Amino acid sequence: MRRMTTDVLRYSAFTTTPAGGNPAGVVLDASALDAADMLKIAADLGYSESAFLTPPPAGSGGARAYTVRYFSPKAEVPFCGHATVATAVALAERHGTGDFLFHTAAGEVPVSVADDQGTLRATLTSVAPHVEGVADADLAEALAALDWPAADLDPALPPRISYAGARHLVLAAATRERLADLSYDFERLAALMRRLDLTTVQLVWRESDVTFHVRDPFPVGGVVEDPATGAAAAAFGAYLRELGLVPAAAGLTLHQGADMGRPGELTVTLREGDARVRVSGAAVPIP
């Protein structure tokens, strides 16, 4: 690998403190890097994902538009919510709040950043989502890899695969205790996820109609668990609306990371007449 002097920033997303949320690497100018360079930086950082910015496609987007690529320590992924939030806040700190446009492998993702009483909060708008069923054999394999008995699932939130930029298997625990007890077969779950082209498994527990606790095993990215997962939050919002579990217009709060000692909060907004899902959160630099 050639010598580089690329600035690698570190931010934590979906939190107001560096000790919470989900860390991400951010490279605001990756023009001199190829995919191998980006993967090496992401692997060296060891965060679940890092974001790399280059100029947008010719003739698109203007001065506040960028091409963004996302890498886990093991591979490139089409979209990552927490790294998007982190990147948008990093840009806003340098260029001011307002709207940005990210060209990603999943499609165009508008992001807006606002100053909320001194805290910068970013809101991403997902690509058009879709939801599909899960084959019985695949569900059985996922539960076996997680060591979750089928009886521990919440029948009111049936298993589905949901997409809002990346694919996630949604499984709902019947109790908070079930969600908290996560010890799974890393290689077995990773093999299933690679076969189904899943980015994470979105494990959820419903506290109330609009409040959920979530966890995201991420073995395909080379990490046991993702602390705060914006792409999965967007997919979960689409899932809830598709199954009629929330109104067409709704605001949801997702708590994630507490079981890892990195608590974070994600806000999911659904708008009537707009299939896309909005995910919001704060981000702060990591010293």
C-alpha atoms as a PDB file:
ATOM      1  CA  MET A   1       0.000   0.000   0.000  1.00  0.00           C
ATOM      2  CA  ARG A   2       1.362   3.452  -0.921  1.00  0.00           C
ATOM      3  CA  ARG A   3       2.125   6.088   1.709  1.00  0.00           C
ATOM      4  CA  MET A   4      -0.820   8.340   2.528  1.00  0.00           C
ATOM      5  CA  THR A   5      -1.349  11.459   4.594  1.00  0.00           C
ATOM      6  CA  THR A   6      -5.135  11.149   4.495  1.00  0.00           C
ATOM      7  CA  ASP A   7      -6.923  12.720   7.465  1.00  0.00           C
ATOM      8  CA  VAL A   8      -9.098  10.140   9.209  1.00  0.00           C
ATOM      9  CA  LEU A   9     -11.663  11.688  11.527  1.00  0.00           C
ATOM     10  CA  ARG A  10     -13.422   9.776  14.280  1.00  0.00           C
ATOM     11  CA  TYR A  11     -17.004  10.505  15.293  1.00  0.00           C
ATOM     12  CA  SER A  12     -19.622   8.728  17.368  1.00  0.00           C
ATOM     13  CA  ALA A  13     -23.173   8.830  16.031  1.00  0.00           C
ATOM     14  CA  PHE A  14     -26.583   8.692  17.715  1.00  0.00           C
ATOM     15  CA  THR A  15     -25.142  10.115  20.918  1.00  0.00           C
ATOM     16  CA  THR A  16     -24.118  13.398  22.510  1.00  0.00           C
ATOM     17  CA  THR A  17     -21.067  11.893  24.233  1.00  0.00           C
ATOM     18  CA  PRO A  18     -18.088  10.104  22.645  1.00  0.00           C
ATOM     19  CA  ALA A  19     -18.553   7.191  25.068  1.00  0.00           C
ATOM     20  CA  GLY A  20     -21.994   6.384  23.650  1.00  0.00           C
ATOM     21  CA  GLY A  21     -23.436   5.570  20.255  1.00  0.00           C
ATOM     22  CA  ASN A  22     -21.598   4.041  17.337  1.00  0.00           C
ATOM     23  CA  PRO A  23     -18.075   5.135  16.328  1.00  0.00           C
ATOM     24  CA  ALA A  24     -17.336   5.753  12.652  1.00  0.00           C
ATOM     25  CA  GLY A  25     -14.288   6.738  10.688  1.00  0.00           C
ATOM     26  CA  VAL A  26     -14.801   9.656   8.313  1.00  0.00           C
ATOM     27  CA  VAL A  27     -12.490  10.641   5.453  1.00  0.00           C
ATOM     28  CA  LEU A  28     -13.736  13.913   3.965  1.00  0.00           C
ATOM     29  CA  ASP A  29     -11.381  13.761   0.976  1.00  0.00           C
ATOM     30  CA  ALA A  30     -10.731  10.230  -0.239  1.00  0.00           C
ATOM     31  CA  SER A  31      -9.888  11.256  -3.814  1.00  0.00           C
ATOM     32  CA  ALA A  32      -6.396   9.751  -3.574  1.00  0.00           C
ATOM     33  CA  LEU A  33      -7.618   6.402  -2.228  1.00  0.00           C
ATOM     34  CA  ASP A  34      -8.670   3.265  -4.036  1.00  0.00           C
ATOM     35  CA  ALA A  35     -10.951   0.565  -2.615  1.00  0.00           C
ATOM     36  CA  ALA A  36      -8.037  -1.367  -1.129  1.00  0.00           C
ATOM     37  CA  ASP A  37      -6.848   1.756   0.698  1.00  0.00           C
ATOM     38  CA  MET A  38     -10.326   2.410   2.069  1.00  0.00           C
ATOM     39  CA  LEU A  39     -10.715  -1.164   3.260  1.00  0.00           C
ATOM     40  CA  LYS A  40      -7.338  -1.038   5.009  1.00  0.00           C
ATOM     41  CA  ILE A  41      -8.215   2.203   6.808  1.00  0.00           C
ATOM     42  CA  ALA A  42     -11.560   0.736   7.902  1.00  0.00           C
ATOM     43  CA  ALA A  43      -9.867  -2.442   9.116  1.00  0.00           C
ATOM     44  CA  ASP A  44      -7.178  -0.502  10.990  1.00  0.00           C
ATOM     45  CA  LEU A  45      -9.841   1.606  12.725  1.00  0.00           C
ATOM     46  CA  GLY A  46     -11.868  -1.479  13.620  1.00  0.00           C
ATOM     47  CA  TYR A  47     -15.167   0.415  13.749  1.00  0.00           C
ATOM     48  CA  SER A  48     -18.227  -1.285  12.288  1.00  0.00           C
ATOM     49  CA  GLU A  49     -18.100   1.125   9.319  1.00  0.00           C
ATOM     50  CA  SER A  50     -16.175   4.078   7.982  1.00  0.00           C
ATOM     51  CA  ALA A  51     -17.220   6.576   5.290  1.00  0.00           C
ATOM     52  CA  PHE A  52     -15.088   7.907   2.433  1.00  0.00           C
ATOM     53  CA  LEU A  53     -16.045  10.994   0.417  1.00  0.00           C
ATOM     54  CA  THR A  54     -15.133  11.816  -3.177  1.00  0.00           C
ATOM     55  CA  PRO A  55     -16.652  14.317  -5.634  1.00  0.00           C
ATOM     56  CA  PRO A  56     -20.204  13.599  -6.858  1.00  0.00           C
ATOM     57  CA  PRO A  57     -20.966  12.268 -10.340  1.00  0.00           C
ATOM     58  CA  ALA A  58     -20.395  14.883 -13.035  1.00  0.00           C
ATOM     59  CA  GLY A  59     -23.193  17.413 -13.294  1.00  0.00           C
ATOM     60  CA  SER A  60     -25.023  16.327 -10.147  1.00  0.00           C
ATOM     61  CA  GLY A  61     -25.660  17.898  -6.802  1.00  0.00           C
ATOM     62  CA  GLY A  62     -23.598  21.070  -6.568  1.00  0.00           C
ATOM     63  CA  ALA A  63     -21.124  22.114  -3.891  1.00  0.00           C
ATOM     64  CA  ARG A  64     -22.803  20.223  -1.023  1.00  0.00           C
ATOM     65  CA  ALA A  65     -23.058  16.898  -2.844  1.00  0.00           C
ATOM     66  CA  TYR A  66     -20.645  13.989  -2.445  1.00  0.00           C
ATOM     67  CA  THR A  67     -20.091  10.414  -3.470  1.00  0.00           C
ATOM     68  CA  VAL A  68     -19.859   8.310  -0.302  1.00  0.00           C
ATOM     69  CA  ARG A  69     -18.523   4.768   0.040  1.00  0.00           C
ATOM     70  CA  TYR A  70     -18.822   2.741   3.229  1.00  0.00           C
ATOM     71  CA  PHE A  71     -16.458   0.014   4.428  1.00  0.00           C
ATOM     72  CA  SER A  72     -16.617  -2.368   7.361  1.00  0.00           C
ATOM     73  CA  PRO A  73     -13.357  -3.961   8.519  1.00  0.00           C
ATOM     74  CA  LYS A  74     -14.066  -6.807   6.098  1.00  0.00           C
ATOM     75  CA  ALA A  75     -15.903  -5.438   3.056  1.00  0.00           C
ATOM     76  CA  GLU A  76     -17.626  -2.557   1.341  1.00  0.00           C
ATOM     77  CA  VAL A  77     -21.317  -2.143   2.202  1.00  0.00           C
ATOM     78  CA  PRO A  78     -23.908  -0.293   0.105  1.00  0.00           C
ATOM     79  CA  PHE A  79     -25.148   2.024   2.828  1.00  0.00           C
ATOM     80  CA  CYS A  80     -24.502   2.811   6.485  1.00  0.00           C
ATOM     81  CA  GLY A  81     -26.710   5.063   8.576  1.00  0.00           C
ATOM     82  CA  HIS A  82     -24.460   5.885  11.511  1.00  0.00           C
ATOM     83  CA  ALA A  83     -21.505   6.765   9.296  1.00  0.00           C
ATOM     84  CA  THR A  84     -23.847   8.956   7.231  1.00  0.00           C
ATOM     85  CA  VAL A  85     -24.920  10.853  10.354  1.00  0.00           C
ATOM     86  CA  ALA A  86     -21.312  11.168  11.513  1.00  0.00           C
ATOM     87  CA  THR A  87     -20.161  12.392   8.100  1.00  0.00           C
ATOM     88  CA  ALA A  88     -22.948  14.956   7.797  1.00  0.00           C
ATOM     89  CA  VAL A  89     -22.133  16.410  11.217  1.00  0.00           C
ATOM     90  CA  ALA A  90     -18.428  16.554  10.338  1.00  0.00           C
ATOM     91  CA  LEU A  91     -19.295  18.443   7.138  1.00  0.00           C
ATOM     92  CA  ALA A  92     -21.648  20.804   8.973  1.00  0.00           C
ATOM     93  CA  GLU A  93     -18.921  21.659  11.474  1.00  0.00           C
ATOM     94  CA  ARG A  94     -16.755  22.787   8.558  1.00  0.00           C
ATOM     95  CA  HIS A  95     -19.279  24.181   6.053  1.00  0.00           C
ATOM     96  CA  GLY A  96     -22.329  25.096   8.110  1.00  0.00           C
ATOM     97  CA  THR A  97     -25.643  23.439   8.802  1.00  0.00           C
ATOM     98  CA  GLY A  98     -28.190  22.762   6.073  1.00  0.00           C
ATOM     99  CA  ASP A  99     -28.722  20.186   3.368  1.00  0.00           C
ATOM    100  CA  PHE A 100     -26.269  17.754   1.815  1.00  0.00           C
ATOM    101  CA  LEU A 101     -26.729  15.076  -0.853  1.00  0.00           C
ATOM    102  CA  PHE A 102     -24.875  11.773  -0.624  1.00  0.00           C
ATOM    103  CA  HIS A 103     -24.562   9.585  -3.707  1.00  0.00           C
ATOM    104  CA  THR A 104     -24.236   6.034  -2.343  1.00  0.00           C
ATOM    105  CA  ALA A 105     -24.199   2.570  -3.875  1.00  0.00           C
ATOM    106  CA  ALA A 106     -27.810   2.212  -2.674  1.00  0.00           C
ATOM    107  CA  GLY A 107     -28.920   5.473  -4.313  1.00  0.00           C
ATOM    108  CA  GLU A 108     -29.205   9.156  -3.476  1.00  0.00           C
ATOM    109  CA  VAL A 109     -29.522   9.916   0.249  1.00  0.00           C
ATOM    110  CA  PRO A 110     -30.420  13.498   1.223  1.00  0.00           C
ATOM    111  CA  VAL A 111     -29.144  14.537   4.652  1.00  0.00           C
ATOM    112  CA  SER A 112     -29.947  17.693   6.597  1.00  0.00           C
ATOM    113  CA  VAL A 113     -28.096  18.988   9.660  1.00  0.00           C
ATOM    114  CA  ALA A 114     -29.558  21.390  12.208  1.00  0.00           C
ATOM    115  CA  ASP A 115     -28.231  22.988  15.378  1.00  0.00           C
ATOM    116  CA  ASP A 116     -30.383  21.871  18.299  1.00  0.00           C
ATOM    117  CA  GLN A 117     -29.369  24.159  21.188  1.00  0.00           C
ATOM    118  CA  GLY A 118     -25.697  23.642  20.505  1.00  0.00           C
ATOM    119  CA  THR A 119     -25.919  19.986  19.447  1.00  0.00           C
ATOM    120  CA  LEU A 120     -25.672  19.131  15.759  1.00  0.00           C
ATOM    121  CA  ARG A 121     -28.304  16.619  14.669  1.00  0.00           C
ATOM    122  CA  ALA A 122     -28.423  15.007  11.238  1.00  0.00           C
ATOM    123  CA  THR A 123     -31.476  13.543   9.507  1.00  0.00           C
ATOM    124  CA  LEU A 124     -31.004  11.144   6.609  1.00  0.00           C
ATOM    125  CA  THR A 125     -33.745  10.218   4.164  1.00  0.00           C
ATOM    126  CA  SER A 126     -33.543   6.610   3.001  1.00  0.00           C
ATOM    127  CA  VAL A 127     -33.946   5.230  -0.472  1.00  0.00           C
ATOM    128  CA  ALA A 128     -37.309   3.625  -1.244  1.00  0.00           C
ATOM    129  CA  PRO A 129     -37.722   0.628   1.095  1.00  0.00           C
ATOM    130  CA  HIS A 130     -39.288  -2.789   0.623  1.00  0.00           C
ATOM    131  CA  VAL A 131     -40.167  -5.723   2.885  1.00  0.00           C
ATOM    132  CA  GLU A 132     -40.203  -9.442   2.106  1.00  0.00           C
ATOM    133  CA  GLY A 133     -40.941 -12.687   3.878  1.00  0.00           C
ATOM    134  CA  VAL A 134     -38.467 -15.141   5.398  1.00  0.00           C
ATOM    135  CA  ALA A 135     -38.368 -18.807   4.415  1.00  0.00           C
ATOM    136  CA  ASP A 136     -39.134 -21.160   7.307  1.00  0.00           C
ATOM    137  CA  ALA A 137     -35.782 -22.925   6.911  1.00  0.00           C
ATOM    138  CA  ASP A 138     -33.880 -19.628   6.963  1.00  0.00           C
ATOM    139  CA  LEU A 139     -35.738 -18.469  10.060  1.00  0.00           C
ATOM    140  CA  ALA A 140     -34.995 -21.764  11.799  1.00  0.00           C
ATOM    141  CA  GLU A 141     -31.309 -21.417  10.936  1.00  0.00           C
ATOM    142  CA  ALA A 142     -31.186 -17.839  12.226  1.00  0.00           C
ATOM    143  CA  LEU A 143     -32.784 -18.861  15.520  1.00  0.00           C
ATOM    144  CA  ALA A 144     -30.427 -21.819  15.846  1.00  0.00           C
ATOM    145  CA  ALA A 145     -27.398 -19.572  15.266  1.00  0.00           C
ATOM    146  CA  LEU A 146     -28.698 -17.100  17.868  1.00  0.00           C
ATOM    147  CA  ASP A 147     -29.680 -19.921  20.260  1.00  0.00           C
ATOM    148  CA  TRP A 148     -33.137 -18.367  20.526  1.00  0.00           C
ATOM    149  CA  PRO A 149     -36.109 -20.721  20.962  1.00  0.00           C
ATOM    150  CA  ALA A 150     -38.968 -19.829  18.621  1.00  0.00           C
ATOM    151  CA  ALA A 151     -41.176 -19.484  21.698  1.00  0.00           C
ATOM    152  CA  ASP A 152     -39.096 -16.446  22.734  1.00  0.00           C
ATOM    153  CA  LEU A 153     -40.265 -14.436  19.701  1.00  0.00           C
ATOM    154  CA  ASP A 154     -43.031 -11.819  19.883  1.00  0.00           C
ATOM    155  CA  PRO A 155     -45.852 -13.114  17.659  1.00  0.00           C
ATOM    156  CA  ALA A 156     -47.176  -9.572  17.177  1.00  0.00           C
ATOM    157  CA  LEU A 157     -44.006  -8.638  15.229  1.00  0.00           C
ATOM    158  CA  PRO A 158     -43.455 -11.429  12.702  1.00  0.00           C
ATOM    159  CA  PRO A 159     -40.031 -12.075  11.132  1.00  0.00           C
ATOM    160  CA  ARG A 160     -39.345 -10.281   7.874  1.00  0.00           C
ATOM    161  CA  ILE A 161     -36.410  -9.086   5.767  1.00  0.00           C
ATOM    162  CA  SER A 162     -36.558  -5.326   5.333  1.00  0.00           C
ATOM    163  CA  TYR A 163     -34.540  -3.023   3.089  1.00  0.00           C
ATOM    164  CA  ALA A 164     -33.998   0.743   3.164  1.00  0.00           C
ATOM    165  CA  GLY A 165     -30.529   0.860   1.628  1.00  0.00           C
ATOM    166  CA  ALA A 166     -29.308  -2.454   3.082  1.00  0.00           C
ATOM    167  CA  ARG A 167     -31.038  -5.743   3.921  1.00  0.00           C
ATOM    168  CA  HIS A 168     -31.797  -6.648   7.550  1.00  0.00           C
ATOM    169  CA  LEU A 169     -33.580  -9.631   9.084  1.00  0.00           C
ATOM    170  CA  VAL A 170     -36.030  -8.331  11.708  1.00  0.00           C
ATOM    171  CA  LEU A 171     -36.615 -10.622  14.704  1.00  0.00           C
ATOM    172  CA  ALA A 172     -38.663  -9.467  17.703  1.00  0.00           C
ATOM    173  CA  ALA A 173     -38.013 -10.715  21.213  1.00  0.00           C
ATOM    174  CA  ALA A 174     -40.992 -11.229  23.511  1.00  0.00           C
ATOM    175  CA  THR A 175     -39.111  -9.854  26.556  1.00  0.00           C
ATOM    176  CA  ARG A 176     -36.354  -7.380  27.326  1.00  0.00           C
ATOM    177  CA  GLU A 177     -34.501 -10.218  29.073  1.00  0.00           C
ATOM    178  CA  ARG A 178     -34.426 -12.225  25.853  1.00  0.00           C
ATOM    179  CA  LEU A 179     -32.982  -9.258  23.974  1.00  0.00           C
ATOM    180  CA  ALA A 180     -30.354  -8.662  26.656  1.00  0.00           C
ATOM    181  CA  ASP A 181     -29.114 -12.266  26.517  1.00  0.00           C
ATOM    182  CA  LEU A 182     -27.171 -12.311  23.265  1.00  0.00           C
ATOM    183  CA  SER A 183     -24.513 -14.978  22.770  1.00  0.00           C
ATOM    184  CA  TYR A 184     -24.533 -16.391  19.266  1.00  0.00           C
ATOM    185  CA  ASP A 185     -22.605 -18.627  16.877  1.00  0.00           C
ATOM    186  CA  PHE A 186     -20.565 -16.022  14.969  1.00  0.00           C
ATOM    187  CA  GLU A 187     -19.594 -18.139  11.958  1.00  0.00           C
ATOM    188  CA  ARG A 188     -22.965 -19.868  11.632  1.00  0.00           C
ATOM    189  CA  LEU A 189     -24.896 -16.592  11.618  1.00  0.00           C
ATOM    190  CA  ALA A 190     -22.386 -14.989   9.267  1.00  0.00           C
ATOM    191  CA  ALA A 191     -22.808 -17.833   6.777  1.00  0.00           C
ATOM    192  CA  LEU A 192     -26.585 -17.429   6.766  1.00  0.00           C
ATOM    193  CA  MET A 193     -26.294 -13.662   6.406  1.00  0.00           C
ATOM    194  CA  ARG A 194     -23.931 -13.949   3.453  1.00  0.00           C
ATOM    195  CA  ARG A 195     -26.322 -16.367   1.746  1.00  0.00           C
ATOM    196  CA  LEU A 196     -29.303 -14.038   2.278  1.00  0.00           C
ATOM    197  CA  ASP A 197     -27.265 -10.864   1.559  1.00  0.00           C
ATOM    198  CA  LEU A 198     -28.037  -9.426   5.006  1.00  0.00           C
ATOM    199  CA  THR A 199     -26.091  -6.547   6.528  1.00  0.00           C
ATOM    200  CA  THR A 200     -27.278  -7.093  10.115  1.00  0.00           C
ATOM    201  CA  VAL A 201     -29.931  -8.961  12.044  1.00  0.00           C
ATOM    202  CA  GLN A 202     -32.213  -6.379  13.641  1.00  0.00           C
ATOM    203  CA  LEU A 203     -33.246  -7.769  17.044  1.00  0.00           C
ATOM    204  CA  VAL A 204     -36.002  -5.715  18.667  1.00  0.00           C
ATOM    205  CA  TRP A 205     -38.132  -5.538  21.795  1.00  0.00           C
ATOM    206  CA  ARG A 206     -41.201  -3.325  21.904  1.00  0.00           C
ATOM    207  CA  GLU A 207     -41.441  -1.210  25.051  1.00  0.00           C
ATOM    208  CA  SER A 208     -44.474   0.751  23.802  1.00  0.00           C
ATOM    209  CA  ASP A 209     -46.264   1.567  20.549  1.00  0.00           C
ATOM    210  CA  VAL A 210     -43.507   4.003  19.548  1.00  0.00           C
ATOM    211  CA  THR A 211     -40.502   3.005  21.680  1.00  0.00           C
ATOM    212  CA  PHE A 212     -38.255   0.042  20.920  1.00  0.00           C
ATOM    213  CA  HIS A 213     -34.974  -1.418  22.146  1.00  0.00           C
ATOM    214  CA  VAL A 214     -32.791  -2.906  19.421  1.00  0.00           C
ATOM    215  CA  ARG A 215     -29.550  -4.822  18.916  1.00  0.00           C
ATOM    216  CA  ASP A 216     -27.725  -5.670  15.681  1.00  0.00           C
ATOM    217  CA  PRO A 217     -25.352  -8.626  15.353  1.00  0.00           C
ATOM    218  CA  PHE A 218     -22.946  -7.819  12.501  1.00  0.00           C
ATOM    219  CA  PRO A 219     -20.647 -10.817  11.952  1.00  0.00           C
ATOM    220  CA  VAL A 220     -20.435 -10.238   8.180  1.00  0.00           C
ATOM    221  CA  GLY A 221     -18.740  -6.925   8.969  1.00  0.00           C
ATOM    222  CA  GLY A 222     -16.225  -8.567  11.252  1.00  0.00           C
ATOM    223  CA  VAL A 223     -17.701  -7.273  14.518  1.00  0.00           C
ATOM    224  CA  VAL A 224     -19.923  -9.089  17.000  1.00  0.00           C
ATOM    225  CA  GLU A 225     -22.453  -6.283  17.386  1.00  0.00           C
ATOM    226  CA  ASP A 226     -23.132  -2.840  15.942  1.00  0.00           C
ATOM    227  CA  PRO A 227     -23.789  -0.287  18.723  1.00  0.00           C
ATOM    228  CA  ALA A 228     -26.244   1.971  16.821  1.00  0.00           C
ATOM    229  CA  THR A 229     -27.475   1.082  13.359  1.00  0.00           C
ATOM    230  CA  GLY A 230     -29.100   3.792  11.257  1.00  0.00           C
ATOM    231  CA  ALA A 231     -29.641   1.665   8.150  1.00  0.00           C
ATOM    232  CA  ALA A 232     -31.394  -1.003  10.240  1.00  0.00           C
ATOM    233  CA  ALA A 233     -33.480   1.697  11.941  1.00  0.00           C
ATOM    234  CA  ALA A 234     -34.680   2.884   8.534  1.00  0.00           C
ATOM    235  CA  ALA A 235     -35.470  -0.693   7.500  1.00  0.00           C
ATOM    236  CA  PHE A 236     -37.312  -1.260  10.776  1.00  0.00           C
ATOM    237  CA  GLY A 237     -39.441   1.842  10.249  1.00  0.00           C
ATOM    238  CA  ALA A 238     -40.403   0.507   6.825  1.00  0.00           C
ATOM    239  CA  TYR A 239     -41.176  -2.887   8.371  1.00  0.00           C
ATOM    240  CA  LEU A 240     -43.497  -1.419  10.998  1.00  0.00           C
ATOM    241  CA  ARG A 241     -45.406   0.621   8.438  1.00  0.00           C
ATOM    242  CA  GLU A 242     -45.628  -2.225   5.899  1.00  0.00           C
ATOM    243  CA  LEU A 243     -47.174  -4.530   8.519  1.00  0.00           C
ATOM    244  CA  GLY A 244     -49.559  -1.828   9.758  1.00  0.00           C
ATOM    245  CA  LEU A 245     -47.998  -1.826  13.228  1.00  0.00           C
ATOM    246  CA  VAL A 246     -47.727   1.981  13.318  1.00  0.00           C
ATOM    247  CA  PRO A 247     -49.677   4.761  11.588  1.00  0.00           C
ATOM    248  CA  ALA A 248     -48.621   5.944   8.143  1.00  0.00           C
ATOM    249  CA  ALA A 249     -47.236   9.065   9.839  1.00  0.00           C
ATOM    250  CA  ALA A 250     -45.354   8.271  13.025  1.00  0.00           C
ATOM    251  CA  GLY A 251     -42.359   9.188  15.154  1.00  0.00           C
ATOM    252  CA  LEU A 252     -40.446   6.344  16.789  1.00  0.00           C
ATOM    253  CA  THR A 253     -37.618   6.180  19.308  1.00  0.00           C
ATOM    254  CA  LEU A 254     -35.078   3.353  19.175  1.00  0.00           C
ATOM    255  CA  HIS A 255     -32.698   2.727  22.070  1.00  0.00           C
ATOM    256  CA  GLN A 256     -29.562   0.795  21.175  1.00  0.00           C
ATOM    257  CA  GLY A 257     -26.164   0.054  22.655  1.00  0.00           C
ATOM    258  CA  ALA A 258     -27.079  -0.027  26.356  1.00  0.00           C
ATOM    259  CA  ASP A 259     -26.307  -3.745  26.568  1.00  0.00           C
ATOM    260  CA  MET A 260     -22.837  -2.987  25.171  1.00  0.00           C
ATOM    261  CA  GLY A 261     -22.183  -0.059  27.491  1.00  0.00           C
ATOM    262  CA  ARG A 262     -22.542   2.424  24.587  1.00  0.00           C
ATOM    263  CA  PRO A 263     -26.102   3.778  24.872  1.00  0.00           C
ATOM    264  CA  GLY A 264     -27.471   5.638  21.882  1.00  0.00           C
ATOM    265  CA  GLU A 265     -30.797   6.958  20.630  1.00  0.00           C
ATOM    266  CA  LEU A 266     -32.183   6.920  17.093  1.00  0.00           C
ATOM    267  CA  THR A 267     -35.290   8.781  15.964  1.00  0.00           C
ATOM    268  CA  VAL A 268     -37.297   7.294  13.084  1.00  0.00           C
ATOM    269  CA  THR A 269     -39.868   9.423  11.275  1.00  0.00           C
ATOM    270  CA  LEU A 270     -42.511   8.145   8.864  1.00  0.00           C
ATOM    271  CA  ARG A 271     -44.447  10.560   6.665  1.00  0.00           C
ATOM    272  CA  GLU A 272     -47.784   9.811   5.070  1.00  0.00           C
ATOM    273  CA  GLY A 273     -47.526   9.703   1.295  1.00  0.00           C
ATOM    274  CA  ASP A 274     -43.724   9.274   1.311  1.00  0.00           C
ATOM    275  CA  ALA A 275     -42.392   5.700   1.319  1.00  0.00           C
ATOM    276  CA  ARG A 276     -38.924   6.811   2.393  1.00  0.00           C
ATOM    277  CA  VAL A 277     -37.890   6.669   6.050  1.00  0.00           C
ATOM    278  CA  ARG A 278     -36.071   9.398   7.950  1.00  0.00           C
ATOM    279  CA  VAL A 279     -33.551   8.593  10.667  1.00  0.00           C
ATOM    280  CA  SER A 280     -32.155  11.287  12.945  1.00  0.00           C
ATOM    281  CA  GLY A 281     -29.477  11.521  15.583  1.00  0.00           C
ATOM    282  CA  ALA A 282     -26.669  13.577  17.037  1.00  0.00           C
ATOM    283  CA  ALA A 283     -22.968  12.954  16.467  1.00  0.00           C
ATOM    284  CA  VAL A 284     -19.833  14.168  18.231  1.00  0.00           C
ATOM    285  CA  PRO A 285     -16.088  13.964  17.566  1.00  0.00           C
ATOM    286  CA  ILE A 286     -14.099  11.325  19.400  1.00  0.00           C
ATOM    287  CA  PRO A 287     -11.029  12.963  20.977  1.00  0.00           C
END
